[in-house]
């Protein structure tokens, strides 16, 4: 147990995620409800280094719940993890402003920074999982994941219109370096013929065989177009850097005999549009619940915990344990996708 902080700081770090603003709003207004003071730190740990800190009140977080991104801004500061002198500059900022507790909203790297900060300064820290990849293993869902999936599904639906009109196959790359959850969820929701994720280890030929089998089944029952969804992490694995959406599309175009059908395939990378957009109702509610829980953790004199959700119940996990827990793709969802694509 630690001293209960009266003045807390909040920052967003790493990649932005829809729902971060809703999380900031929940932290600020929950803290104010309990007569705590809140300071916002601009641009994550970089803003801490630059002493970009400002007080936040209820009005500061008005009219932001529906906005994507983070109004506090976000950035990366790799030196925070490796350079003690850089960290000392950051810590002096917290001391200057009398910040006695800290809420960090971000992903794995942000959590590791929070863990270091707490251990070296003793300032109570709490993590909120703000990352679209859903790649933190201790929680079922992260803030921003649901919005990212819905953005992908919306884009795939638009692609479907033109694919169906021209009888084409679209190979769609979505985000997810080490975690294929966006690909799995958006692929099932969009009715994809095949879903490729980095957690399932195949060679390029094995993936191509898998795609061909799925397309042959689909074309065999009269469908005139196809949707393939792949996580970007597929082409980031060793010996697979060439295995992009465009590569797969080109291979399909050159091997129509294998598919048993005329193929006009196109690659499409949805890209950073997945990070933006107004957060869904699910992400807003998740962010609100988690933000309130972060304040409760600090009010209870606890520290070095991150907030998550399991089976729709808010939970807390020690940060140093959470960063070691890897997310595992739901194999049942992969099997379900195969069944539904028959």
C-alpha atoms as a PDB file:
ATOM      1  CA  UNK A   1       0.000   0.000   0.000  1.00  0.00           C
ATOM      2  CA  UNK A   2       1.210   3.513  -0.788  1.00  0.00           C
ATOM      3  CA  UNK A   3       0.159   7.028   0.088  1.00  0.00           C
ATOM      4  CA  UNK A   4      -3.143   7.975  -1.526  1.00  0.00           C
ATOM      5  CA  UNK A   5      -2.333  10.677  -4.106  1.00  0.00           C
ATOM      6  CA  UNK A   6      -4.178  13.976  -4.134  1.00  0.00           C
ATOM      7  CA  UNK A   7      -2.732  15.214  -7.452  1.00  0.00           C
ATOM      8  CA  UNK A   8      -2.456  12.784 -10.358  1.00  0.00           C
ATOM      9  CA  UNK A   9      -1.205  12.973 -13.933  1.00  0.00           C
ATOM     10  CA  UNK A  10      -2.439  11.255 -17.055  1.00  0.00           C
ATOM     11  CA  UNK A  11      -0.716  10.643 -20.379  1.00  0.00           C
ATOM     12  CA  UNK A  12      -1.324   8.716 -23.584  1.00  0.00           C
ATOM     13  CA  UNK A  13       1.658   7.013 -25.165  1.00  0.00           C
ATOM     14  CA  UNK A  14       2.622   4.996 -28.233  1.00  0.00           C
ATOM     15  CA  UNK A  15       0.135   4.491 -31.045  1.00  0.00           C
ATOM     16  CA  UNK A  16      -3.158   6.331 -30.695  1.00  0.00           C
ATOM     17  CA  UNK A  17      -6.399   4.396 -30.333  1.00  0.00           C
ATOM     18  CA  UNK A  18     -10.062   5.422 -30.623  1.00  0.00           C
ATOM     19  CA  UNK A  19     -11.443   5.687 -27.107  1.00  0.00           C
ATOM     20  CA  UNK A  20      -8.361   7.261 -25.540  1.00  0.00           C
ATOM     21  CA  UNK A  21     -10.246  10.551 -25.200  1.00  0.00           C
ATOM     22  CA  UNK A  22     -13.118   8.755 -23.504  1.00  0.00           C
ATOM     23  CA  UNK A  23     -10.617   7.177 -21.100  1.00  0.00           C
ATOM     24  CA  UNK A  24      -9.014  10.550 -20.288  1.00  0.00           C
ATOM     25  CA  UNK A  25     -12.478  12.019 -19.689  1.00  0.00           C
ATOM     26  CA  UNK A  26     -13.381   9.184 -17.325  1.00  0.00           C
ATOM     27  CA  UNK A  27     -10.143   9.522 -15.356  1.00  0.00           C
ATOM     28  CA  UNK A  28     -10.453  13.302 -15.029  1.00  0.00           C
ATOM     29  CA  UNK A  29     -14.097  13.406 -14.011  1.00  0.00           C
ATOM     30  CA  UNK A  30     -13.825  10.405 -11.670  1.00  0.00           C
ATOM     31  CA  UNK A  31     -10.811  11.984  -9.964  1.00  0.00           C
ATOM     32  CA  UNK A  32     -12.548  15.356  -9.651  1.00  0.00           C
ATOM     33  CA  UNK A  33     -15.558  13.640  -8.104  1.00  0.00           C
ATOM     34  CA  UNK A  34     -13.255  12.501  -5.287  1.00  0.00           C
ATOM     35  CA  UNK A  35     -11.660  15.958  -4.910  1.00  0.00           C
ATOM     36  CA  UNK A  36      -8.418  14.956  -6.603  1.00  0.00           C
ATOM     37  CA  UNK A  37      -6.486  17.254  -8.937  1.00  0.00           C
ATOM     38  CA  UNK A  38      -5.577  16.091 -12.437  1.00  0.00           C
ATOM     39  CA  UNK A  39      -2.772  17.208 -14.738  1.00  0.00           C
ATOM     40  CA  UNK A  40      -2.536  16.219 -18.382  1.00  0.00           C
ATOM     41  CA  UNK A  41       0.895  15.449 -19.840  1.00  0.00           C
ATOM     42  CA  UNK A  42       1.198  16.229 -23.545  1.00  0.00           C
ATOM     43  CA  UNK A  43       2.687  13.716 -26.000  1.00  0.00           C
ATOM     44  CA  UNK A  44       3.342  10.921 -23.534  1.00  0.00           C
ATOM     45  CA  UNK A  45       6.813  10.453 -22.044  1.00  0.00           C
ATOM     46  CA  UNK A  46       8.187  12.941 -24.579  1.00  0.00           C
ATOM     47  CA  UNK A  47       5.950  15.645 -23.129  1.00  0.00           C
ATOM     48  CA  UNK A  48       7.082  14.628 -19.662  1.00  0.00           C
ATOM     49  CA  UNK A  49      10.662  15.189 -20.769  1.00  0.00           C
ATOM     50  CA  UNK A  50       9.727  18.595 -22.240  1.00  0.00           C
ATOM     51  CA  UNK A  51       7.709  19.612 -19.175  1.00  0.00           C
ATOM     52  CA  UNK A  52       4.495  19.965 -21.211  1.00  0.00           C
ATOM     53  CA  UNK A  53       2.041  19.632 -18.349  1.00  0.00           C
ATOM     54  CA  UNK A  54      -1.269  21.410 -17.750  1.00  0.00           C
ATOM     55  CA  UNK A  55      -4.089  21.205 -15.203  1.00  0.00           C
ATOM     56  CA  UNK A  56      -7.319  19.582 -16.380  1.00  0.00           C
ATOM     57  CA  UNK A  57     -10.820  20.280 -15.140  1.00  0.00           C
ATOM     58  CA  UNK A  58     -14.278  19.031 -16.104  1.00  0.00           C
ATOM     59  CA  UNK A  59     -14.437  21.521 -18.949  1.00  0.00           C
ATOM     60  CA  UNK A  60     -11.065  20.418 -20.335  1.00  0.00           C
ATOM     61  CA  UNK A  61     -12.540  17.041 -21.226  1.00  0.00           C
ATOM     62  CA  UNK A  62     -15.897  18.278 -22.469  1.00  0.00           C
ATOM     63  CA  UNK A  63     -16.952  17.423 -26.025  1.00  0.00           C
ATOM     64  CA  UNK A  64     -14.205  14.831 -26.560  1.00  0.00           C
ATOM     65  CA  UNK A  65     -15.946  11.504 -25.851  1.00  0.00           C
ATOM     66  CA  UNK A  66     -16.886  11.082 -29.523  1.00  0.00           C
ATOM     67  CA  UNK A  67     -13.511  12.069 -30.936  1.00  0.00           C
ATOM     68  CA  UNK A  68     -10.907   9.581 -32.100  1.00  0.00           C
ATOM     69  CA  UNK A  69      -7.222   9.905 -31.316  1.00  0.00           C
ATOM     70  CA  UNK A  70      -6.111  11.661 -28.133  1.00  0.00           C
ATOM     71  CA  UNK A  71      -6.401  15.361 -27.442  1.00  0.00           C
ATOM     72  CA  UNK A  72      -3.346  15.129 -25.171  1.00  0.00           C
ATOM     73  CA  UNK A  73      -1.303  13.930 -28.125  1.00  0.00           C
ATOM     74  CA  UNK A  74       1.010  10.936 -28.185  1.00  0.00           C
ATOM     75  CA  UNK A  75       4.595  10.216 -29.165  1.00  0.00           C
ATOM     76  CA  UNK A  76       7.341   7.671 -28.648  1.00  0.00           C
ATOM     77  CA  UNK A  77      10.447   8.201 -26.519  1.00  0.00           C
ATOM     78  CA  UNK A  78      12.605   5.047 -26.906  1.00  0.00           C
ATOM     79  CA  UNK A  79      15.365   6.582 -24.749  1.00  0.00           C
ATOM     80  CA  UNK A  80      13.060   6.433 -21.745  1.00  0.00           C
ATOM     81  CA  UNK A  81      13.675   2.685 -21.595  1.00  0.00           C
ATOM     82  CA  UNK A  82      17.445   2.856 -22.038  1.00  0.00           C
ATOM     83  CA  UNK A  83      18.758   6.146 -20.650  1.00  0.00           C
ATOM     84  CA  UNK A  84      18.519   6.845 -16.922  1.00  0.00           C
ATOM     85  CA  UNK A  85      19.431  10.512 -17.466  1.00  0.00           C
ATOM     86  CA  UNK A  86      16.432  10.943 -19.770  1.00  0.00           C
ATOM     87  CA  UNK A  87      14.205   9.351 -17.173  1.00  0.00           C
ATOM     88  CA  UNK A  88      15.559  11.643 -14.458  1.00  0.00           C
ATOM     89  CA  UNK A  89      14.573  14.663 -16.550  1.00  0.00           C
ATOM     90  CA  UNK A  90      11.079  13.188 -16.850  1.00  0.00           C
ATOM     91  CA  UNK A  91      10.887  12.497 -13.126  1.00  0.00           C
ATOM     92  CA  UNK A  92      11.892  16.062 -12.296  1.00  0.00           C
ATOM     93  CA  UNK A  93       8.857  17.247 -14.277  1.00  0.00           C
ATOM     94  CA  UNK A  94       6.554  15.134 -12.123  1.00  0.00           C
ATOM     95  CA  UNK A  95       8.195  16.421  -8.944  1.00  0.00           C
ATOM     96  CA  UNK A  96       7.989  20.038 -10.132  1.00  0.00           C
ATOM     97  CA  UNK A  97       4.228  19.756 -10.598  1.00  0.00           C
ATOM     98  CA  UNK A  98       3.684  17.798  -7.406  1.00  0.00           C
ATOM     99  CA  UNK A  99       2.240  14.801  -9.239  1.00  0.00           C
ATOM    100  CA  UNK A 100       1.753  11.968  -6.752  1.00  0.00           C
ATOM    101  CA  UNK A 101       0.143   9.357  -9.007  1.00  0.00           C
ATOM    102  CA  UNK A 102       0.121   8.596 -12.721  1.00  0.00           C
ATOM    103  CA  UNK A 103      -2.265   6.971 -15.195  1.00  0.00           C
ATOM    104  CA  UNK A 104      -0.640   5.749 -18.419  1.00  0.00           C
ATOM    105  CA  UNK A 105      -2.852   4.812 -21.379  1.00  0.00           C
ATOM    106  CA  UNK A 106      -1.054   2.843 -24.076  1.00  0.00           C
ATOM    107  CA  UNK A 107       0.313  -0.533 -25.037  1.00  0.00           C
ATOM    108  CA  UNK A 108       3.171  -2.820 -24.087  1.00  0.00           C
ATOM    109  CA  UNK A 109       5.958  -0.222 -24.381  1.00  0.00           C
ATOM    110  CA  UNK A 110       3.971   2.345 -22.426  1.00  0.00           C
ATOM    111  CA  UNK A 111       3.421  -0.195 -19.661  1.00  0.00           C
ATOM    112  CA  UNK A 112       7.130  -1.001 -19.467  1.00  0.00           C
ATOM    113  CA  UNK A 113       7.849   2.704 -19.078  1.00  0.00           C
ATOM    114  CA  UNK A 114       5.256   2.994 -16.310  1.00  0.00           C
ATOM    115  CA  UNK A 115       6.784  -0.017 -14.559  1.00  0.00           C
ATOM    116  CA  UNK A 116      10.241   1.595 -14.632  1.00  0.00           C
ATOM    117  CA  UNK A 117       8.877   4.915 -13.415  1.00  0.00           C
ATOM    118  CA  UNK A 118       7.105   3.397 -10.449  1.00  0.00           C
ATOM    119  CA  UNK A 119      10.101   1.335  -9.364  1.00  0.00           C
ATOM    120  CA  UNK A 120      12.567   4.221  -9.650  1.00  0.00           C
ATOM    121  CA  UNK A 121      10.426   7.003  -8.172  1.00  0.00           C
ATOM    122  CA  UNK A 122       7.871   5.241  -6.005  1.00  0.00           C
ATOM    123  CA  UNK A 123       5.109   7.270  -7.689  1.00  0.00           C
ATOM    124  CA  UNK A 124       1.978   5.065  -7.890  1.00  0.00           C
ATOM    125  CA  UNK A 125       1.174   4.144 -11.488  1.00  0.00           C
ATOM    126  CA  UNK A 126      -1.801   2.548 -13.206  1.00  0.00           C
ATOM    127  CA  UNK A 127      -1.988   1.353 -16.817  1.00  0.00           C
ATOM    128  CA  UNK A 128      -4.956   1.551 -19.180  1.00  0.00           C
ATOM    129  CA  UNK A 129      -4.801  -0.681 -22.300  1.00  0.00           C
ATOM    130  CA  UNK A 130      -5.060   1.742 -25.218  1.00  0.00           C
ATOM    131  CA  UNK A 131      -4.018  -0.181 -28.338  1.00  0.00           C
ATOM    132  CA  UNK A 132      -6.018  -1.256 -31.376  1.00  0.00           C
ATOM    133  CA  UNK A 133      -4.133  -4.542 -31.865  1.00  0.00           C
ATOM    134  CA  UNK A 134      -5.676  -6.193 -28.776  1.00  0.00           C
ATOM    135  CA  UNK A 135      -2.235  -7.665 -28.133  1.00  0.00           C
ATOM    136  CA  UNK A 136      -2.124  -7.456 -24.327  1.00  0.00           C
ATOM    137  CA  UNK A 137      -2.686 -10.953 -23.013  1.00  0.00           C
ATOM    138  CA  UNK A 138      -4.026 -10.100 -19.562  1.00  0.00           C
ATOM    139  CA  UNK A 139      -7.241  -8.488 -20.876  1.00  0.00           C
ATOM    140  CA  UNK A 140      -9.934  -9.768 -23.221  1.00  0.00           C
ATOM    141  CA  UNK A 141     -10.209  -6.413 -24.994  1.00  0.00           C
ATOM    142  CA  UNK A 142      -8.220  -3.210 -25.280  1.00  0.00           C
ATOM    143  CA  UNK A 143      -9.514   0.324 -25.792  1.00  0.00           C
ATOM    144  CA  UNK A 144      -9.754   0.978 -29.538  1.00  0.00           C
ATOM    145  CA  UNK A 145      -9.927  -2.619 -30.736  1.00  0.00           C
ATOM    146  CA  UNK A 146     -13.670  -2.678 -31.357  1.00  0.00           C
ATOM    147  CA  UNK A 147     -13.538   0.571 -33.330  1.00  0.00           C
ATOM    148  CA  UNK A 148     -10.624  -0.676 -35.437  1.00  0.00           C
ATOM    149  CA  UNK A 149     -12.502  -3.882 -36.267  1.00  0.00           C
ATOM    150  CA  UNK A 150     -15.600  -1.938 -37.260  1.00  0.00           C
ATOM    151  CA  UNK A 151     -13.497   0.360 -39.454  1.00  0.00           C
ATOM    152  CA  UNK A 152     -12.004  -2.672 -41.210  1.00  0.00           C
ATOM    153  CA  UNK A 153     -15.409  -4.255 -41.711  1.00  0.00           C
ATOM    154  CA  UNK A 154     -16.767  -1.005 -43.148  1.00  0.00           C
ATOM    155  CA  UNK A 155     -13.867  -0.807 -45.600  1.00  0.00           C
ATOM    156  CA  UNK A 156     -14.205  -4.459 -46.585  1.00  0.00           C
ATOM    157  CA  UNK A 157     -17.924  -3.959 -47.174  1.00  0.00           C
ATOM    158  CA  UNK A 158     -17.105  -1.125 -49.564  1.00  0.00           C
ATOM    159  CA  UNK A 159     -14.541  -3.302 -51.321  1.00  0.00           C
ATOM    160  CA  UNK A 160     -17.114  -6.074 -51.569  1.00  0.00           C
ATOM    161  CA  UNK A 161     -19.374  -3.851 -53.692  1.00  0.00           C
ATOM    162  CA  UNK A 162     -16.741  -3.306 -56.352  1.00  0.00           C
ATOM    163  CA  UNK A 163     -15.320  -6.837 -56.080  1.00  0.00           C
ATOM    164  CA  UNK A 164     -18.778  -8.296 -56.680  1.00  0.00           C
ATOM    165  CA  UNK A 165     -19.386  -5.945 -59.602  1.00  0.00           C
ATOM    166  CA  UNK A 166     -16.179  -6.987 -61.354  1.00  0.00           C
ATOM    167  CA  UNK A 167     -15.887 -10.579 -60.137  1.00  0.00           C
ATOM    168  CA  UNK A 168     -12.586  -9.912 -58.395  1.00  0.00           C
ATOM    169  CA  UNK A 169     -10.692 -11.225 -55.376  1.00  0.00           C
ATOM    170  CA  UNK A 170      -9.554  -8.646 -52.832  1.00  0.00           C
ATOM    171  CA  UNK A 171      -6.601  -9.409 -50.550  1.00  0.00           C
ATOM    172  CA  UNK A 172      -6.985  -7.021 -47.606  1.00  0.00           C
ATOM    173  CA  UNK A 173      -4.144  -6.317 -45.186  1.00  0.00           C
ATOM    174  CA  UNK A 174      -5.173  -5.072 -41.745  1.00  0.00           C
ATOM    175  CA  UNK A 175      -3.061  -4.071 -38.764  1.00  0.00           C
ATOM    176  CA  UNK A 176      -1.665  -6.563 -36.282  1.00  0.00           C
ATOM    177  CA  UNK A 177       2.075  -7.183 -36.079  1.00  0.00           C
ATOM    178  CA  UNK A 178       2.149  -9.893 -33.448  1.00  0.00           C
ATOM    179  CA  UNK A 179      -1.561 -10.376 -32.931  1.00  0.00           C
ATOM    180  CA  UNK A 180      -4.111 -11.389 -35.543  1.00  0.00           C
ATOM    181  CA  UNK A 181      -7.228 -10.418 -33.597  1.00  0.00           C
ATOM    182  CA  UNK A 182      -8.205  -7.560 -35.937  1.00  0.00           C
ATOM    183  CA  UNK A 183      -7.879  -9.897 -38.925  1.00  0.00           C
ATOM    184  CA  UNK A 184      -9.856 -12.696 -37.258  1.00  0.00           C
ATOM    185  CA  UNK A 185     -12.712 -10.532 -35.990  1.00  0.00           C
ATOM    186  CA  UNK A 186     -13.029  -8.387 -39.105  1.00  0.00           C
ATOM    187  CA  UNK A 187     -12.641 -11.421 -41.367  1.00  0.00           C
ATOM    188  CA  UNK A 188     -15.481 -13.283 -39.680  1.00  0.00           C
ATOM    189  CA  UNK A 189     -17.693 -10.200 -39.548  1.00  0.00           C
ATOM    190  CA  UNK A 190     -17.061  -9.480 -43.239  1.00  0.00           C
ATOM    191  CA  UNK A 191     -17.499 -13.085 -44.416  1.00  0.00           C
ATOM    192  CA  UNK A 192     -13.954 -13.551 -45.704  1.00  0.00           C
ATOM    193  CA  UNK A 193     -13.026 -16.746 -47.541  1.00  0.00           C
ATOM    194  CA  UNK A 194      -9.633 -16.960 -45.810  1.00  0.00           C
ATOM    195  CA  UNK A 195      -7.969 -15.303 -42.813  1.00  0.00           C
ATOM    196  CA  UNK A 196      -4.192 -15.206 -42.345  1.00  0.00           C
ATOM    197  CA  UNK A 197      -2.687 -14.465 -38.926  1.00  0.00           C
ATOM    198  CA  UNK A 198       0.908 -14.506 -37.614  1.00  0.00           C
ATOM    199  CA  UNK A 199       0.063 -16.823 -34.709  1.00  0.00           C
ATOM    200  CA  UNK A 200      -0.483 -19.676 -37.175  1.00  0.00           C
ATOM    201  CA  UNK A 201       2.916 -20.546 -38.601  1.00  0.00           C
ATOM    202  CA  UNK A 202       2.872 -21.538 -42.258  1.00  0.00           C
ATOM    203  CA  UNK A 203       5.258 -21.135 -45.155  1.00  0.00           C
ATOM    204  CA  UNK A 204       4.217 -18.940 -48.044  1.00  0.00           C
ATOM    205  CA  UNK A 205       3.356 -22.034 -50.108  1.00  0.00           C
ATOM    206  CA  UNK A 206       1.222 -23.423 -47.290  1.00  0.00           C
ATOM    207  CA  UNK A 207      -0.670 -20.131 -47.024  1.00  0.00           C
ATOM    208  CA  UNK A 208      -1.163 -20.028 -50.791  1.00  0.00           C
ATOM    209  CA  UNK A 209      -2.472 -23.600 -50.769  1.00  0.00           C
ATOM    210  CA  UNK A 210      -4.879 -22.645 -47.991  1.00  0.00           C
ATOM    211  CA  UNK A 211      -6.141 -19.616 -49.951  1.00  0.00           C
ATOM    212  CA  UNK A 212      -6.562 -21.679 -53.121  1.00  0.00           C
ATOM    213  CA  UNK A 213      -8.578 -24.351 -51.289  1.00  0.00           C
ATOM    214  CA  UNK A 214     -10.900 -21.759 -49.793  1.00  0.00           C
ATOM    215  CA  UNK A 215     -11.416 -19.959 -53.106  1.00  0.00           C
ATOM    216  CA  UNK A 216     -12.066 -23.207 -54.987  1.00  0.00           C
ATOM    217  CA  UNK A 217     -14.809 -24.072 -52.487  1.00  0.00           C
ATOM    218  CA  UNK A 218     -16.320 -20.598 -52.752  1.00  0.00           C
ATOM    219  CA  UNK A 219     -16.202 -20.444 -56.563  1.00  0.00           C
ATOM    220  CA  UNK A 220     -17.462 -24.019 -56.717  1.00  0.00           C
ATOM    221  CA  UNK A 221     -20.755 -23.033 -55.138  1.00  0.00           C
ATOM    222  CA  UNK A 222     -21.244 -20.173 -57.531  1.00  0.00           C
ATOM    223  CA  UNK A 223     -19.735 -17.158 -55.805  1.00  0.00           C
ATOM    224  CA  UNK A 224     -18.164 -14.718 -58.267  1.00  0.00           C
ATOM    225  CA  UNK A 225     -15.727 -12.834 -55.995  1.00  0.00           C
ATOM    226  CA  UNK A 226     -13.606 -13.402 -52.908  1.00  0.00           C
ATOM    227  CA  UNK A 227     -12.276 -11.649 -49.807  1.00  0.00           C
ATOM    228  CA  UNK A 228      -8.966 -12.628 -48.188  1.00  0.00           C
ATOM    229  CA  UNK A 229      -8.012 -10.893 -44.928  1.00  0.00           C
ATOM    230  CA  UNK A 230      -4.429 -10.957 -43.665  1.00  0.00           C
ATOM    231  CA  UNK A 231      -2.737  -9.420 -40.626  1.00  0.00           C
ATOM    232  CA  UNK A 232       0.288  -7.265 -41.419  1.00  0.00           C
ATOM    233  CA  UNK A 233       2.378  -9.465 -39.119  1.00  0.00           C
ATOM    234  CA  UNK A 234       2.379 -12.215 -41.730  1.00  0.00           C
ATOM    235  CA  UNK A 235       4.940 -10.386 -43.862  1.00  0.00           C
ATOM    236  CA  UNK A 236       6.974  -9.331 -40.829  1.00  0.00           C
ATOM    237  CA  UNK A 237       7.972 -12.862 -39.880  1.00  0.00           C
ATOM    238  CA  UNK A 238      11.383 -14.246 -40.959  1.00  0.00           C
ATOM    239  CA  UNK A 239      11.588 -15.168 -44.657  1.00  0.00           C
ATOM    240  CA  UNK A 240       8.093 -13.768 -45.280  1.00  0.00           C
ATOM    241  CA  UNK A 241       8.841 -10.078 -45.959  1.00  0.00           C
ATOM    242  CA  UNK A 242       7.782 -10.514 -49.578  1.00  0.00           C
ATOM    243  CA  UNK A 243       4.425 -12.003 -48.589  1.00  0.00           C
ATOM    244  CA  UNK A 244       2.295  -8.888 -48.966  1.00  0.00           C
ATOM    245  CA  UNK A 245      -1.283  -8.381 -50.123  1.00  0.00           C
ATOM    246  CA  UNK A 246       0.001  -7.345 -53.564  1.00  0.00           C
ATOM    247  CA  UNK A 247       2.233 -10.436 -53.769  1.00  0.00           C
ATOM    248  CA  UNK A 248      -0.669 -12.765 -52.997  1.00  0.00           C
ATOM    249  CA  UNK A 249      -2.900 -10.978 -55.514  1.00  0.00           C
ATOM    250  CA  UNK A 250      -0.207 -11.210 -58.213  1.00  0.00           C
ATOM    251  CA  UNK A 251       0.330 -14.899 -57.483  1.00  0.00           C
ATOM    252  CA  UNK A 252      -3.396 -15.618 -57.754  1.00  0.00           C
ATOM    253  CA  UNK A 253      -3.558 -13.749 -61.069  1.00  0.00           C
ATOM    254  CA  UNK A 254      -0.677 -15.827 -62.411  1.00  0.00           C
ATOM    255  CA  UNK A 255      -2.071 -19.148 -61.177  1.00  0.00           C
ATOM    256  CA  UNK A 256      -5.708 -19.152 -62.249  1.00  0.00           C
ATOM    257  CA  UNK A 257      -5.422 -22.854 -63.139  1.00  0.00           C
ATOM    258  CA  UNK A 258      -4.733 -23.711 -59.499  1.00  0.00           C
ATOM    259  CA  UNK A 259      -7.843 -21.847 -58.421  1.00  0.00           C
ATOM    260  CA  UNK A 260      -9.896 -23.387 -61.217  1.00  0.00           C
ATOM    261  CA  UNK A 261     -11.485 -20.052 -62.025  1.00  0.00           C
ATOM    262  CA  UNK A 262     -10.575 -16.848 -63.785  1.00  0.00           C
ATOM    263  CA  UNK A 263      -8.965 -14.630 -61.163  1.00  0.00           C
ATOM    264  CA  UNK A 264      -8.644 -10.855 -61.141  1.00  0.00           C
ATOM    265  CA  UNK A 265      -7.124 -10.209 -57.724  1.00  0.00           C
ATOM    266  CA  UNK A 266      -6.170  -6.900 -56.141  1.00  0.00           C
ATOM    267  CA  UNK A 267      -4.223  -6.116 -52.975  1.00  0.00           C
ATOM    268  CA  UNK A 268      -5.497  -3.491 -50.539  1.00  0.00           C
ATOM    269  CA  UNK A 269      -3.795  -2.163 -47.391  1.00  0.00           C
ATOM    270  CA  UNK A 270      -6.289  -0.419 -45.115  1.00  0.00           C
ATOM    271  CA  UNK A 271      -3.434   1.169 -43.167  1.00  0.00           C
ATOM    272  CA  UNK A 272      -3.630   3.864 -40.517  1.00  0.00           C
ATOM    273  CA  UNK A 273      -7.268   4.689 -41.202  1.00  0.00           C
ATOM    274  CA  UNK A 274      -7.858   1.852 -38.702  1.00  0.00           C
ATOM    275  CA  UNK A 275      -6.492   4.023 -35.914  1.00  0.00           C
ATOM    276  CA  UNK A 276      -8.901   6.893 -36.519  1.00  0.00           C
ATOM    277  CA  UNK A 277     -12.586   7.570 -36.414  1.00  0.00           C
ATOM    278  CA  UNK A 278     -15.162   8.133 -33.720  1.00  0.00           C
ATOM    279  CA  UNK A 279     -14.990   5.321 -31.127  1.00  0.00           C
ATOM    280  CA  UNK A 280     -17.834   2.835 -31.048  1.00  0.00           C
ATOM    281  CA  UNK A 281     -20.258   2.702 -28.135  1.00  0.00           C
ATOM    282  CA  UNK A 282     -18.443  -0.415 -26.879  1.00  0.00           C
ATOM    283  CA  UNK A 283     -15.091   1.365 -26.807  1.00  0.00           C
ATOM    284  CA  UNK A 284     -16.555   4.432 -25.103  1.00  0.00           C
ATOM    285  CA  UNK A 285     -18.163   2.334 -22.380  1.00  0.00           C
ATOM    286  CA  UNK A 286     -15.045   0.188 -21.950  1.00  0.00           C
ATOM    287  CA  UNK A 287     -12.894   3.328 -21.660  1.00  0.00           C
ATOM    288  CA  UNK A 288     -15.284   4.835 -19.101  1.00  0.00           C
ATOM    289  CA  UNK A 289     -15.268   1.711 -16.945  1.00  0.00           C
ATOM    290  CA  UNK A 290     -11.499   1.361 -17.116  1.00  0.00           C
ATOM    291  CA  UNK A 291     -10.846   5.055 -16.461  1.00  0.00           C
ATOM    292  CA  UNK A 292     -12.979   4.992 -13.331  1.00  0.00           C
ATOM    293  CA  UNK A 293     -11.213   1.795 -12.199  1.00  0.00           C
ATOM    294  CA  UNK A 294      -7.788   3.436 -12.619  1.00  0.00           C
ATOM    295  CA  UNK A 295      -8.796   6.226 -10.241  1.00  0.00           C
ATOM    296  CA  UNK A 296     -10.164   3.657  -7.778  1.00  0.00           C
ATOM    297  CA  UNK A 297      -6.812   1.836  -7.799  1.00  0.00           C
ATOM    298  CA  UNK A 298      -4.988   5.044  -6.853  1.00  0.00           C
ATOM    299  CA  UNK A 299      -7.605   5.937  -4.209  1.00  0.00           C
ATOM    300  CA  UNK A 300      -7.092   2.521  -2.635  1.00  0.00           C
ATOM    301  CA  UNK A 301      -3.375   3.199  -2.240  1.00  0.00           C
ATOM    302  CA  UNK A 302      -2.377   0.532  -4.749  1.00  0.00           C
ATOM    303  CA  UNK A 303       0.254   0.855  -7.448  1.00  0.00           C
ATOM    304  CA  UNK A 304       1.947  -0.780 -10.435  1.00  0.00           C
ATOM    305  CA  UNK A 305      -1.306  -2.295 -11.664  1.00  0.00           C
ATOM    306  CA  UNK A 306      -2.990  -2.210 -15.045  1.00  0.00           C
ATOM    307  CA  UNK A 307      -6.715  -2.330 -15.621  1.00  0.00           C
ATOM    308  CA  UNK A 308      -8.300  -4.918 -17.892  1.00  0.00           C
ATOM    309  CA  UNK A 309     -11.521  -6.769 -18.560  1.00  0.00           C
ATOM    310  CA  UNK A 310     -12.251 -10.484 -18.320  1.00  0.00           C
ATOM    311  CA  UNK A 311     -15.675 -11.948 -19.056  1.00  0.00           C
ATOM    312  CA  UNK A 312     -17.092  -8.425 -18.871  1.00  0.00           C
ATOM    313  CA  UNK A 313     -15.703  -7.850 -15.379  1.00  0.00           C
ATOM    314  CA  UNK A 314     -13.084  -5.161 -14.697  1.00  0.00           C
ATOM    315  CA  UNK A 315      -9.875  -6.670 -13.299  1.00  0.00           C
ATOM    316  CA  UNK A 316      -6.408  -5.474 -12.314  1.00  0.00           C
ATOM    317  CA  UNK A 317      -3.081  -7.185 -12.967  1.00  0.00           C
ATOM    318  CA  UNK A 318       0.467  -6.253 -11.851  1.00  0.00           C
ATOM    319  CA  UNK A 319       2.125  -4.402 -14.728  1.00  0.00           C
ATOM    320  CA  UNK A 320       5.293  -6.495 -14.650  1.00  0.00           C
ATOM    321  CA  UNK A 321       3.155  -9.635 -15.010  1.00  0.00           C
ATOM    322  CA  UNK A 322       0.921  -8.148 -17.693  1.00  0.00           C
ATOM    323  CA  UNK A 323       3.789  -7.211 -20.032  1.00  0.00           C
ATOM    324  CA  UNK A 324       4.976 -10.826 -20.006  1.00  0.00           C
ATOM    325  CA  UNK A 325       1.557 -12.264 -20.869  1.00  0.00           C
ATOM    326  CA  UNK A 326       1.174 -12.862 -24.588  1.00  0.00           C
ATOM    327  CA  UNK A 327      -2.146 -12.738 -26.347  1.00  0.00           C
ATOM    328  CA  UNK A 328      -3.218 -15.999 -27.961  1.00  0.00           C
ATOM    329  CA  UNK A 329      -5.505 -15.933 -30.962  1.00  0.00           C
ATOM    330  CA  UNK A 330      -8.794 -17.708 -30.379  1.00  0.00           C
ATOM    331  CA  UNK A 331      -8.342 -20.933 -32.341  1.00  0.00           C
ATOM    332  CA  UNK A 332     -12.069 -21.576 -32.142  1.00  0.00           C
ATOM    333  CA  UNK A 333     -12.708 -18.357 -34.062  1.00  0.00           C
ATOM    334  CA  UNK A 334     -10.280 -19.517 -36.756  1.00  0.00           C
ATOM    335  CA  UNK A 335     -12.152 -22.825 -36.969  1.00  0.00           C
ATOM    336  CA  UNK A 336     -15.451 -20.961 -37.055  1.00  0.00           C
ATOM    337  CA  UNK A 337     -14.225 -18.813 -39.933  1.00  0.00           C
ATOM    338  CA  UNK A 338     -13.353 -21.956 -41.898  1.00  0.00           C
ATOM    339  CA  UNK A 339     -16.773 -23.456 -41.224  1.00  0.00           C
ATOM    340  CA  UNK A 340     -18.633 -20.317 -42.261  1.00  0.00           C
ATOM    341  CA  UNK A 341     -16.598 -19.940 -45.469  1.00  0.00           C
ATOM    342  CA  UNK A 342     -17.633 -23.383 -46.795  1.00  0.00           C
END
